[in-house]
Amino acid sequence: MTTRLIALLFCLFTGLSPVLAAGYGYGGSGSKGLNNSTTNQLVRFLERGIRLCRSLDSVYRYDCYRQNYSSAADKLAGNAAYAVPMMALQSVEQTLERVVAQNADPTARTVRKRGGKFRAVKPASTAKAKETFRRALDEAATVLLRSDEGAGTHFARIAKALDSNKILLRAMLRMIGRSPIYMLG
């Protein structure tokens, strides 16, 4: 299956518009190609964002993660070779946007940290938010690993960065079930 077909199917199954795929230059002039510099920068950006989000109280993390994945996707815009990772990151961002919107805590103040402004979810919704986020990361990593056609290790490295975040979430979910101290996330 070609990368283009996988990207279009991904758009259809995740609710993204297939027009997005065309807009990012499949086979067009927007292609800069896969390269170690872009992949390294993206992985480092994702990892720095994960560290920032983990430093926040749990109720603010999901908006932080949302912004991190959105910004990471924006860094890939216009490079057709990275269209599949860009759409995978956008899918995670859209899932988190729904989580934050549906579980917003109107009584919590907005928090600012390192130039970011983060909204809170209700404390009782953090376990559900973690599980939804973990599933979105699973789907994105699966898309990246299955569409690795001609991408060498680039997509696998991006998937590994997503997976490292998923592992942290899974460990936290296990803690929630063991101790009342972790009930708030």
N, C-alpha and C. Protein backbone atom coordinates (compact mmCIF):
# COMPACT_ATOMS: atom_id res chain seq x y z
N MET A 1 0.85 -1.16 0.00
CA MET A 1 0.00 0.00 0.00
C MET A 1 0.90 1.23 0.00
N THR A 2 0.59 2.21 -0.81
CA THR A 2 1.44 3.39 -0.87
C THR A 2 1.18 4.30 0.31
N THR A 3 2.15 5.15 0.59
CA THR A 3 2.01 6.11 1.69
C THR A 3 0.82 7.03 1.44
N ARG A 4 0.61 7.41 0.20
CA ARG A 4 -0.49 8.30 -0.14
C ARG A 4 -1.83 7.65 0.19
N LEU A 5 -2.00 6.39 -0.18
CA LEU A 5 -3.24 5.68 0.10
C LEU A 5 -3.44 5.51 1.60
N ILE A 6 -2.37 5.17 2.31
CA ILE A 6 -2.47 5.02 3.77
C ILE A 6 -2.89 6.35 4.40
N ALA A 7 -2.30 7.45 3.95
CA ALA A 7 -2.65 8.76 4.50
C ALA A 7 -4.12 9.10 4.24
N LEU A 8 -4.60 8.81 3.04
CA LEU A 8 -5.99 9.09 2.73
C LEU A 8 -6.94 8.21 3.55
N LEU A 9 -6.60 6.94 3.71
CA LEU A 9 -7.41 6.06 4.56
C LEU A 9 -7.39 6.54 6.00
N PHE A 10 -6.23 6.96 6.47
CA PHE A 10 -6.12 7.49 7.83
C PHE A 10 -7.04 8.68 8.00
N CYS A 11 -7.06 9.57 7.02
CA CYS A 11 -7.95 10.73 7.07
C CYS A 11 -9.40 10.30 7.19
N LEU A 12 -9.78 9.35 6.37
CA LEU A 12 -11.17 8.90 6.38
C LEU A 12 -11.56 8.24 7.69
N PHE A 13 -10.69 7.40 8.24
CA PHE A 13 -11.02 6.67 9.48
C PHE A 13 -10.94 7.53 10.73
N THR A 14 -10.14 8.58 10.71
CA THR A 14 -10.01 9.42 11.90
C THR A 14 -10.86 10.68 11.83
N GLY A 15 -11.54 10.88 10.72
CA GLY A 15 -12.40 12.05 10.61
C GLY A 15 -11.70 13.27 10.04
N LEU A 16 -10.42 13.17 9.71
CA LEU A 16 -9.74 14.28 9.08
C LEU A 16 -10.19 14.34 7.62
N SER A 17 -10.22 15.51 7.10
CA SER A 17 -10.64 15.67 5.71
C SER A 17 -9.54 15.19 4.77
N PRO A 18 -9.91 14.37 3.75
CA PRO A 18 -8.92 13.97 2.76
C PRO A 18 -8.34 15.16 2.01
N VAL A 19 -9.03 16.29 2.04
CA VAL A 19 -8.52 17.50 1.40
C VAL A 19 -7.22 17.93 2.09
N LEU A 20 -7.11 17.66 3.41
CA LEU A 20 -5.87 17.97 4.11
C LEU A 20 -4.69 17.26 3.46
N ALA A 21 -4.90 16.01 3.10
CA ALA A 21 -3.82 15.24 2.50
C ALA A 21 -3.35 15.90 1.20
N ALA A 22 -4.28 16.32 0.39
CA ALA A 22 -3.92 16.97 -0.86
C ALA A 22 -3.24 18.31 -0.60
N GLY A 23 -3.68 19.01 0.45
CA GLY A 23 -3.14 20.32 0.77
C GLY A 23 -1.71 20.28 1.26
N TYR A 24 -1.22 19.13 1.64
CA TYR A 24 0.14 19.06 2.14
C TYR A 24 1.09 18.51 1.10
N GLY A 25 0.71 18.60 -0.14
CA GLY A 25 1.66 18.42 -1.22
C GLY A 25 2.08 17.01 -1.55
N TYR A 26 1.19 16.03 -1.47
CA TYR A 26 1.57 14.69 -1.88
C TYR A 26 2.07 14.75 -3.30
N GLY A 27 3.32 14.43 -3.47
CA GLY A 27 3.91 14.39 -4.80
C GLY A 27 4.09 15.77 -5.41
N GLY A 28 3.81 16.81 -4.67
CA GLY A 28 3.89 18.15 -5.22
C GLY A 28 5.15 18.87 -4.80
N SER A 29 5.10 20.19 -4.94
CA SER A 29 6.29 21.00 -4.70
C SER A 29 6.63 21.16 -3.23
N GLY A 30 5.71 20.78 -2.32
CA GLY A 30 5.96 20.94 -0.90
C GLY A 30 6.88 19.90 -0.30
N SER A 31 7.31 18.93 -1.08
CA SER A 31 8.11 17.84 -0.55
C SER A 31 9.55 18.26 -0.32
N LYS A 32 10.00 18.10 0.92
CA LYS A 32 11.39 18.38 1.25
C LYS A 32 12.12 17.07 1.52
N GLY A 33 11.38 15.99 1.59
CA GLY A 33 11.96 14.69 1.81
C GLY A 33 12.23 14.39 3.27
N LEU A 34 12.42 13.11 3.53
CA LEU A 34 12.77 12.66 4.87
C LEU A 34 14.23 12.97 5.12
N ASN A 35 14.54 13.44 6.31
CA ASN A 35 15.94 13.66 6.65
C ASN A 35 16.12 13.56 8.16
N ASN A 36 17.32 13.21 8.57
CA ASN A 36 17.61 13.02 9.99
C ASN A 36 17.40 14.28 10.79
N SER A 37 17.73 15.42 10.24
CA SER A 37 17.59 16.68 10.96
C SER A 37 16.13 16.93 11.34
N THR A 38 15.23 16.81 10.39
CA THR A 38 13.80 17.04 10.66
C THR A 38 13.27 16.03 11.66
N THR A 39 13.61 14.77 11.46
CA THR A 39 13.13 13.72 12.37
C THR A 39 13.67 13.95 13.77
N ASN A 40 14.97 14.25 13.90
CA ASN A 40 15.57 14.50 15.21
C ASN A 40 14.93 15.70 15.89
N GLN A 41 14.71 16.78 15.15
CA GLN A 41 14.08 17.97 15.72
C GLN A 41 12.68 17.67 16.21
N LEU A 42 11.93 16.89 15.42
CA LEU A 42 10.56 16.55 15.80
C LEU A 42 10.54 15.70 17.07
N VAL A 43 11.39 14.69 17.12
CA VAL A 43 11.44 13.80 18.30
C VAL A 43 11.83 14.59 19.54
N ARG A 44 12.85 15.46 19.42
CA ARG A 44 13.27 16.28 20.56
C ARG A 44 12.14 17.23 20.99
N PHE A 45 11.45 17.81 20.02
CA PHE A 45 10.33 18.71 20.32
C PHE A 45 9.24 17.97 21.09
N LEU A 46 8.88 16.78 20.63
CA LEU A 46 7.87 15.98 21.32
C LEU A 46 8.32 15.64 22.74
N GLU A 47 9.56 15.23 22.90
CA GLU A 47 10.08 14.85 24.22
C GLU A 47 10.11 16.04 25.18
N ARG A 48 10.53 17.22 24.68
CA ARG A 48 10.53 18.42 25.53
C ARG A 48 9.11 18.77 25.95
N GLY A 49 8.18 18.66 25.03
CA GLY A 49 6.78 18.95 25.34
C GLY A 49 6.22 17.99 26.37
N ILE A 50 6.58 16.73 26.25
CA ILE A 50 6.12 15.72 27.22
C ILE A 50 6.66 16.07 28.61
N ARG A 51 7.93 16.47 28.68
CA ARG A 51 8.50 16.85 29.99
C ARG A 51 7.78 18.06 30.58
N LEU A 52 7.49 19.05 29.74
CA LEU A 52 6.75 20.23 30.21
C LEU A 52 5.39 19.81 30.75
N CYS A 53 4.67 19.01 29.98
CA CYS A 53 3.33 18.60 30.38
C CYS A 53 3.36 17.78 31.67
N ARG A 54 4.35 16.94 31.82
CA ARG A 54 4.46 16.11 33.03
C ARG A 54 4.76 16.97 34.26
N SER A 55 5.30 18.18 34.06
CA SER A 55 5.61 19.06 35.19
C SER A 55 4.37 19.80 35.71
N LEU A 56 3.28 19.72 34.95
CA LEU A 56 2.03 20.39 35.34
C LEU A 56 1.18 19.49 36.22
N ASP A 57 0.27 20.08 36.98
CA ASP A 57 -0.72 19.28 37.70
C ASP A 57 -1.50 18.47 36.67
N SER A 58 -1.94 17.29 37.05
CA SER A 58 -2.56 16.36 36.12
C SER A 58 -3.75 16.93 35.37
N VAL A 59 -4.49 17.83 35.99
CA VAL A 59 -5.69 18.36 35.33
C VAL A 59 -5.34 19.26 34.15
N TYR A 60 -4.11 19.77 34.09
CA TYR A 60 -3.70 20.67 33.00
C TYR A 60 -2.92 19.94 31.90
N ARG A 61 -2.54 18.72 32.14
CA ARG A 61 -1.67 18.02 31.20
C ARG A 61 -2.29 17.79 29.83
N TYR A 62 -3.57 17.52 29.79
CA TYR A 62 -4.18 17.13 28.52
C TYR A 62 -4.25 18.28 27.54
N ASP A 63 -4.47 19.49 28.04
CA ASP A 63 -4.41 20.65 27.16
C ASP A 63 -2.98 20.92 26.75
N CYS A 64 -2.04 20.68 27.65
CA CYS A 64 -0.61 20.82 27.32
C CYS A 64 -0.21 19.81 26.23
N TYR A 65 -0.59 18.55 26.42
CA TYR A 65 -0.30 17.54 25.40
C TYR A 65 -0.93 17.93 24.07
N ARG A 66 -2.17 18.40 24.12
CA ARG A 66 -2.87 18.81 22.90
C ARG A 66 -2.06 19.87 22.16
N GLN A 67 -1.61 20.87 22.88
CA GLN A 67 -0.84 21.93 22.24
C GLN A 67 0.50 21.43 21.72
N ASN A 68 1.12 20.51 22.45
CA ASN A 68 2.40 19.95 22.02
C ASN A 68 2.25 19.19 20.70
N TYR A 69 1.23 18.35 20.61
CA TYR A 69 1.03 17.57 19.38
C TYR A 69 0.60 18.47 18.22
N SER A 70 -0.17 19.50 18.51
CA SER A 70 -0.55 20.45 17.46
C SER A 70 0.66 21.19 16.92
N SER A 71 1.51 21.67 17.81
CA SER A 71 2.72 22.40 17.40
C SER A 71 3.68 21.48 16.64
N ALA A 72 3.79 20.24 17.09
CA ALA A 72 4.66 19.27 16.40
C ALA A 72 4.16 19.03 14.98
N ALA A 73 2.84 18.88 14.83
CA ALA A 73 2.26 18.68 13.49
C ALA A 73 2.52 19.90 12.61
N ASP A 74 2.39 21.09 13.19
CA ASP A 74 2.64 22.32 12.43
C ASP A 74 4.06 22.37 11.89
N LYS A 75 5.01 21.82 12.62
CA LYS A 75 6.41 21.81 12.18
C LYS A 75 6.61 20.96 10.92
N LEU A 76 5.68 20.05 10.66
CA LEU A 76 5.80 19.16 9.50
C LEU A 76 5.01 19.66 8.29
N ALA A 77 4.20 20.68 8.49
CA ALA A 77 3.35 21.19 7.40
C ALA A 77 4.20 21.60 6.21
N GLY A 78 3.75 21.23 5.05
CA GLY A 78 4.43 21.58 3.81
C GLY A 78 5.49 20.59 3.36
N ASN A 79 5.78 19.60 4.17
CA ASN A 79 6.76 18.59 3.79
C ASN A 79 6.01 17.28 3.52
N ALA A 80 5.76 17.00 2.27
CA ALA A 80 4.96 15.84 1.88
C ALA A 80 5.50 14.53 2.42
N ALA A 81 6.80 14.44 2.58
CA ALA A 81 7.39 13.19 3.08
C ALA A 81 6.95 12.90 4.52
N TYR A 82 6.56 13.94 5.24
CA TYR A 82 6.12 13.79 6.63
C TYR A 82 4.61 13.96 6.78
N ALA A 83 3.87 13.81 5.70
CA ALA A 83 2.41 14.00 5.75
C ALA A 83 1.74 12.99 6.67
N VAL A 84 2.17 11.74 6.65
CA VAL A 84 1.55 10.72 7.50
C VAL A 84 1.81 11.03 8.98
N PRO A 85 3.05 11.31 9.40
CA PRO A 85 3.24 11.68 10.81
C PRO A 85 2.48 12.94 11.19
N MET A 86 2.42 13.92 10.28
CA MET A 86 1.70 15.14 10.57
C MET A 86 0.23 14.85 10.85
N MET A 87 -0.37 14.02 10.01
CA MET A 87 -1.79 13.69 10.20
C MET A 87 -2.00 12.84 11.45
N ALA A 88 -1.05 11.98 11.78
CA ALA A 88 -1.15 11.18 13.01
C ALA A 88 -1.11 12.10 14.23
N LEU A 89 -0.22 13.07 14.22
CA LEU A 89 -0.12 14.02 15.32
C LEU A 89 -1.39 14.88 15.41
N GLN A 90 -1.91 15.29 14.27
CA GLN A 90 -3.16 16.06 14.26
C GLN A 90 -4.32 15.25 14.82
N SER A 91 -4.34 13.98 14.53
CA SER A 91 -5.39 13.12 15.06
C SER A 91 -5.33 13.05 16.59
N VAL A 92 -4.13 12.91 17.14
CA VAL A 92 -3.96 12.90 18.60
C VAL A 92 -4.42 14.25 19.16
N GLU A 93 -4.02 15.33 18.52
CA GLU A 93 -4.41 16.67 18.97
C GLU A 93 -5.92 16.83 18.97
N GLN A 94 -6.59 16.37 17.93
CA GLN A 94 -8.05 16.50 17.85
C GLN A 94 -8.74 15.66 18.92
N THR A 95 -8.21 14.49 19.20
CA THR A 95 -8.76 13.65 20.27
C THR A 95 -8.63 14.38 21.61
N LEU A 96 -7.48 14.96 21.86
CA LEU A 96 -7.27 15.68 23.11
C LEU A 96 -8.12 16.94 23.19
N GLU A 97 -8.35 17.59 22.07
CA GLU A 97 -9.22 18.76 22.06
C GLU A 97 -10.63 18.36 22.51
N ARG A 98 -11.12 17.23 22.01
CA ARG A 98 -12.45 16.74 22.44
C ARG A 98 -12.45 16.41 23.93
N VAL A 99 -11.40 15.75 24.40
CA VAL A 99 -11.29 15.39 25.82
C VAL A 99 -11.34 16.65 26.69
N VAL A 100 -10.55 17.65 26.33
CA VAL A 100 -10.49 18.87 27.12
C VAL A 100 -11.83 19.61 27.06
N ALA A 101 -12.42 19.70 25.89
CA ALA A 101 -13.70 20.41 25.75
C ALA A 101 -14.81 19.70 26.52
N GLN A 102 -14.87 18.39 26.44
CA GLN A 102 -15.94 17.64 27.10
C GLN A 102 -15.78 17.56 28.61
N ASN A 103 -14.56 17.71 29.09
CA ASN A 103 -14.29 17.54 30.52
C ASN A 103 -13.73 18.80 31.18
N ALA A 104 -13.93 19.95 30.54
CA ALA A 104 -13.38 21.20 31.06
C ALA A 104 -13.89 21.49 32.47
N ASP A 105 -13.01 22.01 33.28
CA ASP A 105 -13.36 22.39 34.64
C ASP A 105 -13.55 23.91 34.67
N PRO A 106 -14.82 24.36 34.66
CA PRO A 106 -15.07 25.81 34.61
C PRO A 106 -14.64 26.53 35.89
N THR A 107 -14.41 25.80 36.97
CA THR A 107 -14.02 26.44 38.23
C THR A 107 -12.51 26.61 38.36
N ALA A 108 -11.75 25.94 37.52
CA ALA A 108 -10.28 26.00 37.60
C ALA A 108 -9.76 27.18 36.78
N ARG A 109 -8.72 27.77 37.31
CA ARG A 109 -8.09 28.87 36.58
C ARG A 109 -7.21 28.30 35.47
N THR A 110 -6.92 29.13 34.49
CA THR A 110 -5.98 28.76 33.43
C THR A 110 -4.57 28.95 33.99
N VAL A 111 -3.67 28.03 33.65
CA VAL A 111 -2.29 28.08 34.13
C VAL A 111 -1.37 28.45 32.98
N ARG A 112 -0.38 29.28 33.30
CA ARG A 112 0.65 29.64 32.31
C ARG A 112 1.98 29.04 32.75
N LYS A 113 2.67 28.48 31.77
CA LYS A 113 4.01 27.96 32.06
C LYS A 113 4.81 27.92 30.75
N ARG A 114 6.02 28.43 30.80
CA ARG A 114 6.92 28.46 29.63
C ARG A 114 6.23 28.94 28.36
N GLY A 115 5.51 30.01 28.48
CA GLY A 115 4.86 30.60 27.32
C GLY A 115 3.55 29.94 26.92
N GLY A 116 3.17 28.87 27.58
CA GLY A 116 1.92 28.19 27.27
C GLY A 116 0.82 28.59 28.23
N LYS A 117 -0.40 28.44 27.80
CA LYS A 117 -1.58 28.75 28.60
C LYS A 117 -2.46 27.50 28.54
N PHE A 118 -2.71 26.87 29.71
CA PHE A 118 -3.33 25.55 29.73
C PHE A 118 -4.64 25.55 30.52
N ARG A 119 -5.65 24.90 29.94
CA ARG A 119 -6.96 24.75 30.56
C ARG A 119 -6.98 23.45 31.37
N ALA A 120 -7.82 23.42 32.38
CA ALA A 120 -7.93 22.25 33.24
C ALA A 120 -9.13 21.39 32.84
N VAL A 121 -8.98 20.09 33.09
CA VAL A 121 -10.13 19.18 33.02
C VAL A 121 -10.55 18.89 34.46
N LYS A 122 -11.73 18.41 34.64
CA LYS A 122 -12.21 18.06 35.98
C LYS A 122 -11.34 16.94 36.55
N PRO A 123 -10.98 17.03 37.83
CA PRO A 123 -10.13 15.99 38.43
C PRO A 123 -10.71 14.58 38.27
N ALA A 124 -12.01 14.44 38.34
CA ALA A 124 -12.63 13.12 38.22
C ALA A 124 -12.50 12.54 36.81
N SER A 125 -12.14 13.35 35.84
CA SER A 125 -12.06 12.86 34.45
C SER A 125 -10.65 12.51 34.02
N THR A 126 -9.65 12.65 34.89
CA THR A 126 -8.27 12.42 34.45
C THR A 126 -8.00 10.97 34.05
N ALA A 127 -8.58 10.01 34.75
CA ALA A 127 -8.36 8.60 34.38
C ALA A 127 -8.92 8.31 32.99
N LYS A 128 -10.11 8.82 32.73
CA LYS A 128 -10.72 8.63 31.40
C LYS A 128 -9.89 9.36 30.33
N ALA A 129 -9.41 10.55 30.66
CA ALA A 129 -8.60 11.32 29.72
C ALA A 129 -7.31 10.57 29.39
N LYS A 130 -6.68 9.98 30.40
CA LYS A 130 -5.45 9.21 30.17
C LYS A 130 -5.70 8.04 29.24
N GLU A 131 -6.78 7.33 29.49
CA GLU A 131 -7.08 6.16 28.66
C GLU A 131 -7.39 6.57 27.22
N THR A 132 -8.13 7.63 27.03
CA THR A 132 -8.44 8.13 25.68
C THR A 132 -7.17 8.58 24.98
N PHE A 133 -6.31 9.27 25.70
CA PHE A 133 -5.04 9.73 25.15
C PHE A 133 -4.17 8.54 24.77
N ARG A 134 -4.10 7.53 25.62
CA ARG A 134 -3.29 6.34 25.34
C ARG A 134 -3.78 5.66 24.07
N ARG A 135 -5.09 5.53 23.91
CA ARG A 135 -5.64 4.91 22.69
C ARG A 135 -5.29 5.73 21.44
N ALA A 136 -5.37 7.06 21.56
CA ALA A 136 -5.01 7.92 20.42
C ALA A 136 -3.54 7.76 20.05
N LEU A 137 -2.68 7.63 21.06
CA LEU A 137 -1.26 7.41 20.80
C LEU A 137 -1.03 6.05 20.14
N ASP A 138 -1.75 5.03 20.60
CA ASP A 138 -1.67 3.70 19.99
C ASP A 138 -2.02 3.76 18.50
N GLU A 139 -3.13 4.42 18.19
CA GLU A 139 -3.57 4.52 16.80
C GLU A 139 -2.54 5.26 15.96
N ALA A 140 -2.02 6.36 16.48
CA ALA A 140 -1.03 7.15 15.73
C ALA A 140 0.24 6.34 15.49
N ALA A 141 0.72 5.64 16.51
CA ALA A 141 1.93 4.83 16.36
C ALA A 141 1.70 3.70 15.36
N THR A 142 0.53 3.09 15.40
CA THR A 142 0.21 2.01 14.45
C THR A 142 0.23 2.54 13.02
N VAL A 143 -0.37 3.69 12.81
CA VAL A 143 -0.37 4.29 11.46
C VAL A 143 1.05 4.56 11.01
N LEU A 144 1.87 5.10 11.89
CA LEU A 144 3.26 5.40 11.52
C LEU A 144 4.04 4.13 11.17
N LEU A 145 3.87 3.11 11.99
CA LEU A 145 4.63 1.88 11.76
C LEU A 145 4.15 1.12 10.52
N ARG A 146 2.87 1.20 10.23
CA ARG A 146 2.33 0.50 9.04
C ARG A 146 2.60 1.25 7.76
N SER A 147 2.85 2.53 7.84
CA SER A 147 3.07 3.31 6.62
C SER A 147 4.55 3.62 6.43
N ASP A 148 5.39 2.81 6.98
CA ASP A 148 6.83 3.02 6.96
C ASP A 148 7.45 2.83 5.57
N GLU A 149 6.63 2.73 4.54
CA GLU A 149 7.11 2.51 3.17
C GLU A 149 8.09 3.60 2.75
N GLY A 150 9.33 3.22 2.56
CA GLY A 150 10.34 4.16 2.10
C GLY A 150 10.77 5.16 3.16
N ALA A 151 10.25 5.04 4.37
CA ALA A 151 10.56 6.03 5.40
C ALA A 151 11.72 5.59 6.28
N GLY A 152 12.28 4.41 6.00
CA GLY A 152 13.39 3.93 6.82
C GLY A 152 13.02 3.93 8.29
N THR A 153 13.90 4.48 9.09
CA THR A 153 13.65 4.50 10.54
C THR A 153 12.95 5.78 11.00
N HIS A 154 12.73 6.72 10.09
CA HIS A 154 12.15 8.01 10.47
C HIS A 154 10.81 7.87 11.18
N PHE A 155 9.86 7.16 10.55
CA PHE A 155 8.53 7.01 11.14
C PHE A 155 8.60 6.16 12.40
N ALA A 156 9.50 5.17 12.42
CA ALA A 156 9.64 4.32 13.61
C ALA A 156 10.16 5.15 14.79
N ARG A 157 11.05 6.09 14.55
CA ARG A 157 11.57 6.94 15.63
C ARG A 157 10.48 7.86 16.17
N ILE A 158 9.64 8.37 15.28
CA ILE A 158 8.53 9.22 15.71
C ILE A 158 7.54 8.38 16.52
N ALA A 159 7.26 7.18 16.04
CA ALA A 159 6.35 6.27 16.77
C ALA A 159 6.92 5.94 18.14
N LYS A 160 8.24 5.79 18.23
CA LYS A 160 8.88 5.48 19.52
C LYS A 160 8.69 6.65 20.49
N ALA A 161 8.77 7.89 20.00
CA ALA A 161 8.53 9.06 20.86
C ALA A 161 7.09 9.05 21.37
N LEU A 162 6.14 8.68 20.51
CA LEU A 162 4.74 8.57 20.94
C LEU A 162 4.60 7.45 21.96
N ASP A 163 5.30 6.37 21.73
CA ASP A 163 5.21 5.21 22.61
C ASP A 163 5.78 5.51 23.99
N SER A 164 6.82 6.33 24.07
CA SER A 164 7.38 6.66 25.38
C SER A 164 6.36 7.41 26.22
N ASN A 165 5.57 8.25 25.59
CA ASN A 165 4.51 8.95 26.31
C ASN A 165 3.43 7.97 26.75
N LYS A 166 3.11 7.03 25.88
CA LYS A 166 2.09 6.02 26.19
C LYS A 166 2.52 5.16 27.37
N ILE A 167 3.79 4.82 27.44
CA ILE A 167 4.30 4.00 28.55
C ILE A 167 4.13 4.74 29.87
N LEU A 168 4.42 6.04 29.88
CA LEU A 168 4.21 6.84 31.09
C LEU A 168 2.73 6.82 31.49
N LEU A 169 1.86 6.97 30.52
CA LEU A 169 0.42 6.96 30.82
C LEU A 169 -0.02 5.62 31.37
N ARG A 170 0.46 4.54 30.78
CA ARG A 170 0.08 3.20 31.23
C ARG A 170 0.53 2.97 32.67
N ALA A 171 1.73 3.42 33.01
CA ALA A 171 2.23 3.27 34.38
C ALA A 171 1.36 4.07 35.34
N MET A 172 0.95 5.24 34.94
CA MET A 172 0.09 6.05 35.80
C MET A 172 -1.28 5.42 35.98
N LEU A 173 -1.81 4.81 34.92
CA LEU A 173 -3.11 4.14 35.03
C LEU A 173 -3.03 2.99 36.02
N ARG A 174 -1.92 2.27 36.03
CA ARG A 174 -1.75 1.18 36.99
C ARG A 174 -1.72 1.71 38.42
N MET A 175 -1.06 2.85 38.62
CA MET A 175 -0.98 3.45 39.95
C MET A 175 -2.36 3.87 40.44
N ILE A 176 -3.18 4.37 39.55
CA ILE A 176 -4.51 4.82 39.93
C ILE A 176 -5.29 3.68 40.57
N GLY A 177 -5.15 2.49 40.02
CA GLY A 177 -5.88 1.35 40.54
C GLY A 177 -5.34 0.84 41.86
N ARG A 178 -4.13 1.24 42.24
CA ARG A 178 -3.50 0.70 43.45
C ARG A 178 -3.60 1.58 44.67
N SER A 179 -3.62 2.89 44.48
CA SER A 179 -3.50 3.75 45.64
C SER A 179 -4.43 4.95 45.54
N PRO A 180 -5.13 5.29 46.62
CA PRO A 180 -5.99 6.46 46.61
C PRO A 180 -5.20 7.76 46.45
N ILE A 181 -3.91 7.74 46.73
CA ILE A 181 -3.08 8.94 46.57
C ILE A 181 -3.08 9.39 45.12
N TYR A 182 -3.16 8.44 44.19
CA TYR A 182 -3.09 8.76 42.77
C TYR A 182 -4.45 8.96 42.13
N MET A 183 -5.48 8.98 42.89
CA MET A 183 -6.82 9.08 42.31
C MET A 183 -7.02 10.34 41.49
N LEU A 184 -6.33 11.40 41.80
CA LEU A 184 -6.49 12.63 41.04
C LEU A 184 -5.55 12.70 39.85
N GLY A 185 -4.80 11.67 39.57
CA GLY A 185 -4.00 11.60 38.36
C GLY A 185 -2.58 11.88 38.56
